[in-house]
N, C-alpha and C. Protein backbone atom coordinates (compact mmCIF):
# COMPACT_ATOMS: atom_id res chain seq x y z
N UNK A 1 -17.14 38.47 23.67
CA UNK A 1 -17.19 38.08 22.41
C UNK A 1 -14.97 38.16 23.16
N UNK A 2 -14.45 37.01 22.27
CA UNK A 2 -12.71 36.95 22.58
C UNK A 2 -12.11 37.18 21.03
N UNK A 3 -10.94 37.14 21.54
CA UNK A 3 -9.97 36.23 20.44
C UNK A 3 -9.94 35.27 20.71
N UNK A 4 -9.37 34.29 18.98
CA UNK A 4 -8.30 33.29 19.59
C UNK A 4 -7.63 33.23 19.47
N UNK A 5 -7.13 32.23 20.97
CA UNK A 5 -5.88 31.86 20.89
C UNK A 5 -4.71 32.06 20.42
N UNK A 6 -5.00 31.82 18.55
CA UNK A 6 -4.05 32.00 17.76
C UNK A 6 -3.80 33.12 17.00
N UNK A 7 -4.74 33.90 17.33
CA UNK A 7 -4.72 35.18 16.50
C UNK A 7 -4.46 35.98 17.84
N UNK A 8 -4.47 35.96 18.66
CA UNK A 8 -3.84 36.52 19.88
C UNK A 8 -2.09 36.43 20.27
N UNK A 9 -1.53 35.15 19.69
CA UNK A 9 -0.41 34.71 19.75
C UNK A 9 0.60 35.39 18.14
N UNK A 10 -0.69 35.41 16.92
CA UNK A 10 -0.17 35.91 16.29
C UNK A 10 0.43 37.20 16.51
N UNK A 11 -0.52 38.30 16.85
CA UNK A 11 -0.42 39.68 17.04
C UNK A 11 0.43 39.94 17.98
N UNK A 12 0.64 38.94 19.42
CA UNK A 12 1.90 39.22 20.08
C UNK A 12 3.15 38.94 20.07
N UNK A 13 2.66 38.03 18.84
CA UNK A 13 4.36 37.91 18.03
C UNK A 13 5.00 38.55 16.53
N UNK A 14 4.02 39.26 16.23
CA UNK A 14 4.19 40.44 15.13
C UNK A 14 4.96 41.46 15.52
N UNK A 15 3.99 41.77 17.25
CA UNK A 15 4.36 43.23 17.55
C UNK A 15 5.64 42.81 18.61
N UNK A 16 6.12 41.65 18.99
CA UNK A 16 7.93 42.00 19.31
C UNK A 16 8.45 41.60 18.00
N UNK A 17 8.20 40.96 16.72
CA UNK A 17 9.10 41.13 15.60
C UNK A 17 9.49 42.95 15.38
N UNK A 18 8.65 43.49 15.38
CA UNK A 18 8.31 44.68 14.98
C UNK A 18 9.03 45.80 16.00
N UNK A 19 9.81 45.51 17.02
CA UNK A 19 10.12 45.87 17.83
C UNK A 19 8.97 46.86 19.08
N UNK A 20 7.70 46.58 19.00
CA UNK A 20 6.68 46.89 19.43
C UNK A 20 6.41 46.82 21.26
N UNK A 21 7.58 46.08 21.78
CA UNK A 21 7.62 45.51 23.04
C UNK A 21 8.51 46.18 23.93
N UNK A 22 8.53 46.32 24.83
CA UNK A 22 9.24 47.21 26.21
C UNK A 22 10.05 45.73 26.27
N UNK A 23 9.00 44.72 26.84
CA UNK A 23 9.52 43.34 27.32
C UNK A 23 8.45 42.04 26.99
N UNK A 24 9.02 41.51 26.50
CA UNK A 24 8.30 40.00 25.81
C UNK A 24 8.45 38.70 26.63
N UNK A 25 7.54 38.14 27.31
CA UNK A 25 7.62 37.22 28.54
C UNK A 25 7.23 35.61 28.13
N UNK A 26 7.20 35.05 28.78
CA UNK A 26 6.46 33.46 28.89
C UNK A 26 6.87 32.73 30.41
N UNK A 27 6.06 32.00 30.24
CA UNK A 27 6.35 30.88 31.20
C UNK A 27 5.63 29.39 30.82
N UNK A 28 7.43 29.03 30.88
CA UNK A 28 7.63 27.58 30.48
C UNK A 28 8.13 26.73 31.64
N UNK A 29 7.34 26.11 30.86
CA UNK A 29 7.50 24.17 32.20
C UNK A 29 9.04 24.30 32.32
N UNK A 30 9.65 23.20 33.02
CA UNK A 30 11.11 22.81 33.31
C UNK A 30 10.57 21.82 34.78
N UNK A 31 11.81 21.00 34.62
CA UNK A 31 11.51 20.05 35.82
C UNK A 31 11.36 20.60 37.18
N UNK A 32 12.05 21.91 37.26
CA UNK A 32 12.15 22.77 38.75
C UNK A 32 10.81 22.93 38.67
N UNK A 33 9.45 23.59 38.28
CA UNK A 33 7.86 23.88 38.02
C UNK A 33 8.55 24.89 37.27
N UNK A 34 7.11 25.87 36.42
CA UNK A 34 6.88 26.92 36.28
C UNK A 34 7.96 27.99 35.82
N UNK A 35 9.01 28.28 35.02
CA UNK A 35 9.68 29.24 35.27
C UNK A 35 9.29 30.72 34.24
N UNK A 36 9.51 31.73 34.84
CA UNK A 36 8.68 33.18 34.37
C UNK A 36 10.75 33.51 33.34
N UNK A 37 10.25 33.69 32.34
CA UNK A 37 11.44 34.13 31.01
C UNK A 37 11.12 35.46 30.66
N UNK A 38 11.89 36.47 30.76
CA UNK A 38 11.37 37.66 30.27
C UNK A 38 12.58 38.15 29.58
N UNK A 39 12.64 39.08 28.87
CA UNK A 39 13.26 39.66 28.06
C UNK A 39 13.35 40.74 26.99
N UNK A 40 14.33 41.96 27.05
CA UNK A 40 13.83 43.17 25.87
C UNK A 40 14.69 43.12 25.14
N UNK A 41 14.81 44.20 24.42
CA UNK A 41 15.65 43.92 22.86
C UNK A 41 17.19 44.06 23.38
N UNK A 42 17.69 44.20 24.70
CA UNK A 42 18.91 43.62 24.24
C UNK A 42 19.32 42.43 25.34
N UNK A 43 18.16 41.51 25.68
CA UNK A 43 18.51 40.60 25.92
C UNK A 43 17.39 39.98 27.00
N UNK A 44 18.17 38.76 27.79
CA UNK A 44 17.10 38.31 29.39
C UNK A 44 17.23 39.55 29.98
N UNK A 45 16.19 39.52 30.99
CA UNK A 45 15.52 40.75 32.16
C UNK A 45 15.49 39.95 33.11
N UNK A 46 15.14 38.54 32.90
CA UNK A 46 14.36 38.19 34.12
C UNK A 46 14.25 36.24 33.85
N UNK A 47 14.19 35.73 34.90
CA UNK A 47 14.11 34.53 35.17
C UNK A 47 13.75 34.32 36.64
N UNK A 48 12.91 33.69 36.65
CA UNK A 48 12.06 33.51 37.99
C UNK A 48 11.30 31.91 38.43
N UNK A 49 11.16 31.36 39.26
CA UNK A 49 10.52 30.41 39.41
C UNK A 49 9.44 30.35 40.49
N UNK A 50 8.94 31.57 40.73
CA UNK A 50 7.65 32.32 41.79
C UNK A 50 6.76 31.95 40.81
N UNK A 51 6.12 31.10 41.92
CA UNK A 51 4.69 30.39 41.42
C UNK A 51 3.42 32.21 40.76
N UNK A 52 3.75 33.21 41.12
CA UNK A 52 2.89 34.50 40.74
C UNK A 52 3.74 35.55 40.12
N UNK A 53 3.78 35.34 38.60
CA UNK A 53 4.88 36.43 38.35
C UNK A 53 4.41 38.13 38.23
N UNK A 54 3.41 38.33 39.10
CA UNK A 54 3.35 39.76 38.86
C UNK A 54 3.77 40.97 39.11
N UNK A 55 4.52 40.39 40.54
CA UNK A 55 5.68 41.41 41.04
C UNK A 55 6.78 41.13 39.97
N UNK A 56 7.18 40.99 39.61
CA UNK A 56 8.33 40.59 38.36
C UNK A 56 7.53 41.60 37.36
N UNK A 57 6.60 41.16 36.89
CA UNK A 57 5.99 41.94 35.41
C UNK A 57 5.88 43.16 35.70
N UNK A 58 5.13 43.90 37.15
CA UNK A 58 5.56 44.90 37.56
C UNK A 58 6.29 45.66 37.38
N UNK A 59 7.91 45.55 38.37
CA UNK A 59 9.44 45.99 38.36
C UNK A 59 9.57 45.55 36.41
N UNK A 60 9.17 44.77 35.84
CA UNK A 60 10.05 45.46 34.82
C UNK A 60 9.49 46.74 33.80
N UNK A 61 8.28 46.72 33.90
CA UNK A 61 7.00 47.69 33.32
C UNK A 61 7.70 49.17 33.85
N UNK A 62 8.08 48.98 35.34
CA UNK A 62 8.37 50.59 36.07
C UNK A 62 9.54 50.38 35.27
N UNK A 63 10.46 49.44 35.29
CA UNK A 63 11.99 49.45 34.77
C UNK A 63 11.79 49.90 33.01
N UNK A 64 11.38 49.23 32.29
CA UNK A 64 11.12 48.80 30.85
C UNK A 64 10.21 50.14 30.38
N UNK A 65 9.02 49.93 30.90
CA UNK A 65 8.11 50.49 30.16
C UNK A 65 7.11 49.66 30.23
N UNK A 66 5.68 50.13 30.24
CA UNK A 66 3.83 49.51 30.24
C UNK A 66 4.18 48.28 29.43
N UNK A 67 4.56 48.30 28.37
CA UNK A 67 4.47 47.33 26.86
C UNK A 67 4.93 45.73 27.29
N UNK A 68 4.30 45.38 28.17
CA UNK A 68 4.65 44.37 28.82
C UNK A 68 3.61 43.13 28.41
N UNK A 69 4.09 42.22 27.47
CA UNK A 69 2.98 41.50 26.78
C UNK A 69 3.49 40.00 26.81
N UNK A 70 3.45 38.77 26.97
CA UNK A 70 3.47 36.77 27.07
C UNK A 70 3.64 37.12 25.23
N UNK A 71 4.58 37.05 25.43
CA UNK A 71 4.76 36.53 23.94
C UNK A 71 6.16 35.55 23.77
N UNK A 72 6.26 34.51 23.13
CA UNK A 72 7.44 33.85 23.15
C UNK A 72 8.37 33.70 22.25
N UNK A 73 8.17 34.82 21.19
CA UNK A 73 9.60 35.02 20.58
C UNK A 73 10.49 35.72 20.74
N UNK A 74 10.52 36.68 21.86
CA UNK A 74 11.48 37.19 22.30
C UNK A 74 12.49 36.35 23.59
N UNK A 75 11.94 35.24 24.17
CA UNK A 75 12.19 34.51 24.58
C UNK A 75 12.59 32.94 24.57
N UNK A 76 12.32 32.90 23.09
CA UNK A 76 12.67 31.42 22.42
C UNK A 76 13.52 30.66 22.63
N UNK A 77 14.99 32.52 22.18
CA UNK A 77 16.36 31.49 23.08
C UNK A 77 16.78 31.33 24.44
N UNK A 78 16.21 31.25 25.05
CA UNK A 78 16.47 31.21 26.57
C UNK A 78 15.20 29.84 26.81
N UNK A 79 14.27 29.37 26.61
CA UNK A 79 13.91 28.57 26.45
C UNK A 79 14.47 27.77 25.87
N UNK A 80 15.13 27.85 24.90
CA UNK A 80 15.53 26.75 24.09
C UNK A 80 17.10 26.54 24.96
N UNK A 81 17.91 26.69 25.03
CA UNK A 81 18.85 26.73 25.96
C UNK A 81 17.95 26.14 26.99
N UNK A 82 17.34 26.11 27.96
CA UNK A 82 17.12 26.33 29.03
C UNK A 82 16.97 24.65 29.18
N UNK A 83 15.94 24.17 28.00
CA UNK A 83 15.75 23.02 27.50
C UNK A 83 16.75 21.83 27.75
N UNK A 84 17.75 22.89 26.74
CA UNK A 84 18.38 21.93 26.90
C UNK A 84 19.98 21.35 27.92
N UNK A 85 19.92 22.35 28.54
CA UNK A 85 20.67 22.71 29.51
C UNK A 85 20.16 21.35 31.19
N UNK A 86 18.28 21.37 30.70
CA UNK A 86 18.16 20.53 31.87
C UNK A 86 17.95 18.38 31.31
N UNK A 87 17.97 18.99 30.02
CA UNK A 87 17.98 17.25 29.28
C UNK A 87 19.31 16.75 29.41
N UNK A 88 20.60 17.93 30.28
CA UNK A 88 21.95 17.58 30.40
C UNK A 88 22.88 17.82 29.14
N UNK A 89 22.30 18.74 28.19
CA UNK A 89 23.27 18.48 27.00
C UNK A 89 23.96 20.17 27.11
N UNK A 90 23.51 20.75 27.51
CA UNK A 90 23.96 22.06 27.69
C UNK A 90 24.81 22.64 29.09
N UNK A 91 25.79 22.77 29.32
CA UNK A 91 26.53 22.94 30.93
C UNK A 91 26.44 24.89 30.48
N UNK A 92 26.85 25.82 29.55
CA UNK A 92 26.99 26.79 29.25
C UNK A 92 25.91 27.57 28.74
N UNK A 93 25.75 29.13 29.06
CA UNK A 93 25.29 29.65 28.34
C UNK A 93 25.32 30.76 27.07
N UNK A 94 24.33 31.23 26.34
CA UNK A 94 25.42 31.97 25.36
C UNK A 94 23.84 32.80 24.84
N UNK A 95 23.59 33.47 26.02
CA UNK A 95 22.49 34.48 25.60
C UNK A 95 22.83 35.73 26.29
N UNK A 96 22.58 36.94 25.32
CA UNK A 96 22.84 38.46 26.04
C UNK A 96 21.84 38.40 27.44
N UNK A 97 22.02 39.46 27.88
CA UNK A 97 21.40 40.03 29.38
C UNK A 97 21.51 41.20 29.78
N UNK A 98 20.01 41.82 30.26
CA UNK A 98 19.56 43.17 30.12
C UNK A 98 20.09 43.07 31.44
N UNK A 99 20.62 44.02 31.82
CA UNK A 99 20.48 43.86 33.39
C UNK A 99 20.35 45.26 34.12
N UNK A 100 19.84 46.52 33.23
CA UNK A 100 18.88 47.48 33.70
C UNK A 100 17.93 47.51 35.10
N UNK A 101 17.19 46.33 35.27
CA UNK A 101 16.34 46.16 36.08
C UNK A 101 17.11 45.70 37.70
N UNK A 102 18.15 45.42 37.49
CA UNK A 102 19.01 44.43 38.74
C UNK A 102 20.49 45.94 38.68
N UNK A 103 19.80 45.90 40.50
CA UNK A 103 20.54 46.55 41.11
C UNK A 103 22.48 46.14 41.32
N UNK A 104 23.16 47.59 41.29
CA UNK A 104 24.62 47.22 41.26
C UNK A 104 25.26 46.20 41.99
N UNK A 105 24.55 45.98 43.44
CA UNK A 105 24.81 44.59 44.30
C UNK A 105 25.12 43.47 43.58
N UNK A 106 23.45 43.41 43.32
CA UNK A 106 23.02 41.98 42.77
C UNK A 106 23.67 41.61 41.67
N UNK A 107 24.44 42.81 40.55
CA UNK A 107 24.97 43.21 39.19
C UNK A 107 26.74 41.68 39.60
N UNK A 108 26.95 42.19 40.82
CA UNK A 108 28.27 41.94 40.70
C UNK A 108 28.39 40.52 40.95
N UNK A 109 27.07 40.46 42.40
CA UNK A 109 27.03 39.08 42.19
C UNK A 109 27.32 38.04 41.80
N UNK A 110 26.13 38.07 40.76
CA UNK A 110 25.70 37.65 39.65
C UNK A 110 27.12 37.66 38.73
N UNK A 111 27.28 38.13 38.45
CA UNK A 111 28.66 38.49 37.74
C UNK A 111 30.08 36.99 38.14
N UNK A 112 29.82 37.55 39.08
CA UNK A 112 30.47 36.50 40.22
C UNK A 112 30.45 35.18 40.31
N UNK A 113 29.33 34.91 40.60
CA UNK A 113 28.43 33.41 40.42
C UNK A 113 29.18 33.03 38.90
N UNK A 114 28.68 33.55 37.75
CA UNK A 114 28.85 33.24 36.59
C UNK A 114 30.43 32.75 36.26
N UNK A 115 31.01 32.82 37.44
CA UNK A 115 32.49 32.17 37.35
C UNK A 115 32.29 30.80 37.94
N UNK A 116 31.86 30.57 38.14
CA UNK A 116 31.94 29.03 39.20
C UNK A 116 31.25 28.25 37.93
N UNK A 117 32.04 27.09 38.28
CA UNK A 117 32.12 26.22 37.00
C UNK A 117 31.07 25.36 37.09
N UNK A 118 30.38 24.75 36.09
CA UNK A 118 29.56 23.73 35.98
C UNK A 118 29.55 22.62 36.79
N UNK A 119 29.12 22.49 37.87
CA UNK A 119 29.24 21.21 38.83
C UNK A 119 29.74 21.51 39.87
N UNK A 120 30.42 22.68 40.16
CA UNK A 120 30.74 22.94 41.46
C UNK A 120 29.83 24.15 41.87
N UNK A 121 29.97 24.29 43.61
CA UNK A 121 29.03 24.56 43.99
C UNK A 121 30.06 25.78 44.99
N UNK A 122 29.40 26.79 45.28
CA UNK A 122 30.22 27.64 46.47
C UNK A 122 28.61 27.78 47.48
N UNK A 123 29.21 29.04 48.34
CA UNK A 123 27.91 29.50 49.29
C UNK A 123 28.47 31.02 49.11
N UNK A 124 27.16 31.71 49.66
CA UNK A 124 26.79 32.41 49.74
C UNK A 124 28.30 33.28 50.33
N UNK A 125 28.56 33.09 52.00
CA UNK A 125 29.74 33.89 51.94
C UNK A 125 31.24 33.79 51.28
N UNK A 126 30.93 32.64 50.54
CA UNK A 126 32.50 32.75 49.56
C UNK A 126 32.40 33.70 48.18
N UNK A 127 31.00 34.07 48.29
CA UNK A 127 30.90 34.96 46.80
C UNK A 127 30.27 36.37 47.33
N UNK A 128 29.73 36.51 48.73
CA UNK A 128 30.22 37.80 49.36
C UNK A 128 31.27 38.45 49.58
N UNK A 129 32.46 37.29 49.64
CA UNK A 129 33.74 37.70 50.10
C UNK A 129 34.26 38.26 48.50
N UNK A 130 33.88 37.76 47.74
CA UNK A 130 34.37 37.56 46.46
C UNK A 130 34.56 39.12 45.86
N UNK A 131 32.88 39.35 46.33
CA UNK A 131 32.70 41.13 45.25
C UNK A 131 33.42 41.95 46.30
N UNK A 132 33.54 41.91 47.78
CA UNK A 132 34.00 42.46 48.67
C UNK A 132 33.20 43.12 49.94
N UNK A 133 32.49 42.52 49.88
CA UNK A 133 31.38 42.84 51.41
C UNK A 133 31.52 41.51 52.27
N UNK A 134 32.20 40.84 52.86
CA UNK A 134 32.48 39.73 53.77
C UNK A 134 31.29 39.36 54.61
N UNK A 135 30.37 40.33 54.82
CA UNK A 135 29.78 40.60 56.25
C UNK A 135 28.22 40.23 55.09
N UNK A 136 27.89 40.20 53.90
CA UNK A 136 26.94 40.13 53.42
C UNK A 136 26.36 39.13 52.62
N UNK A 137 26.75 37.64 53.10
CA UNK A 137 26.04 36.14 52.63
C UNK A 137 24.12 36.30 52.59
N UNK A 138 23.76 37.05 53.78
CA UNK A 138 22.44 36.96 53.65
C UNK A 138 21.82 38.02 52.39
N UNK A 139 22.81 38.97 51.95
CA UNK A 139 21.89 39.60 51.01
C UNK A 139 22.45 38.95 49.91
N UNK A 140 23.59 38.01 49.72
CA UNK A 140 23.88 37.33 47.99
C UNK A 140 22.94 36.56 48.21
N UNK A 141 21.79 36.12 49.33
CA UNK A 141 21.01 34.85 49.16
C UNK A 141 19.91 35.95 48.98
N UNK A 142 19.54 36.67 49.16
CA UNK A 142 18.55 37.58 49.16
C UNK A 142 18.97 37.98 46.93
N UNK A 143 19.65 37.66 46.53
CA UNK A 143 20.08 38.05 45.11
C UNK A 143 20.07 36.80 44.52
N UNK A 144 20.17 35.53 45.10
CA UNK A 144 19.60 34.07 44.53
C UNK A 144 18.52 33.99 44.68
N UNK A 145 17.76 34.89 44.97
CA UNK A 145 15.47 34.51 45.18
C UNK A 145 15.40 35.49 43.89
C-alpha cells in the first residue's frame, strides 16, 4: 500500500506550516543541474549541487534534529529567488541564512564572499587573505564545494 503523492505532499506541507520540521528540503532543477535546498525555521541552511544529497541531509539531521523531510514550503522563497537569478532578473538575494551547521572559518569566508559585487570575480587566495588566513586558499576552495 502506498500513500498518494498529493496526500504525502499535503502532510509534509502541514508539518512544515505547524513547525514540526527541524529541516525542510527539496531538490529543484536549475540551469546548472539539480540543487538541494534546505531550510530551518531560521533560514536557508544548505544549497548544494551534489547529486547525492544523503551526506548533507545526514549532517543536517545531526546538527538540527532528526525531523528532516522533503517539503517544498520551507524552501519556496529560496527556490523563487534562484529562479529569478537564473532568469537574469535578480542580482541580490534577500533570504535569512541559518549558519549553525557551518564552521566558523566557513562562515567568515562566506561572509566575505557575499561582499564581492555581482558580476565580479575573486580568487580563493584573495578570500583567504581577506579573512586573515593568507595561506588557506585551499581551505577556502573546500568551503566553496
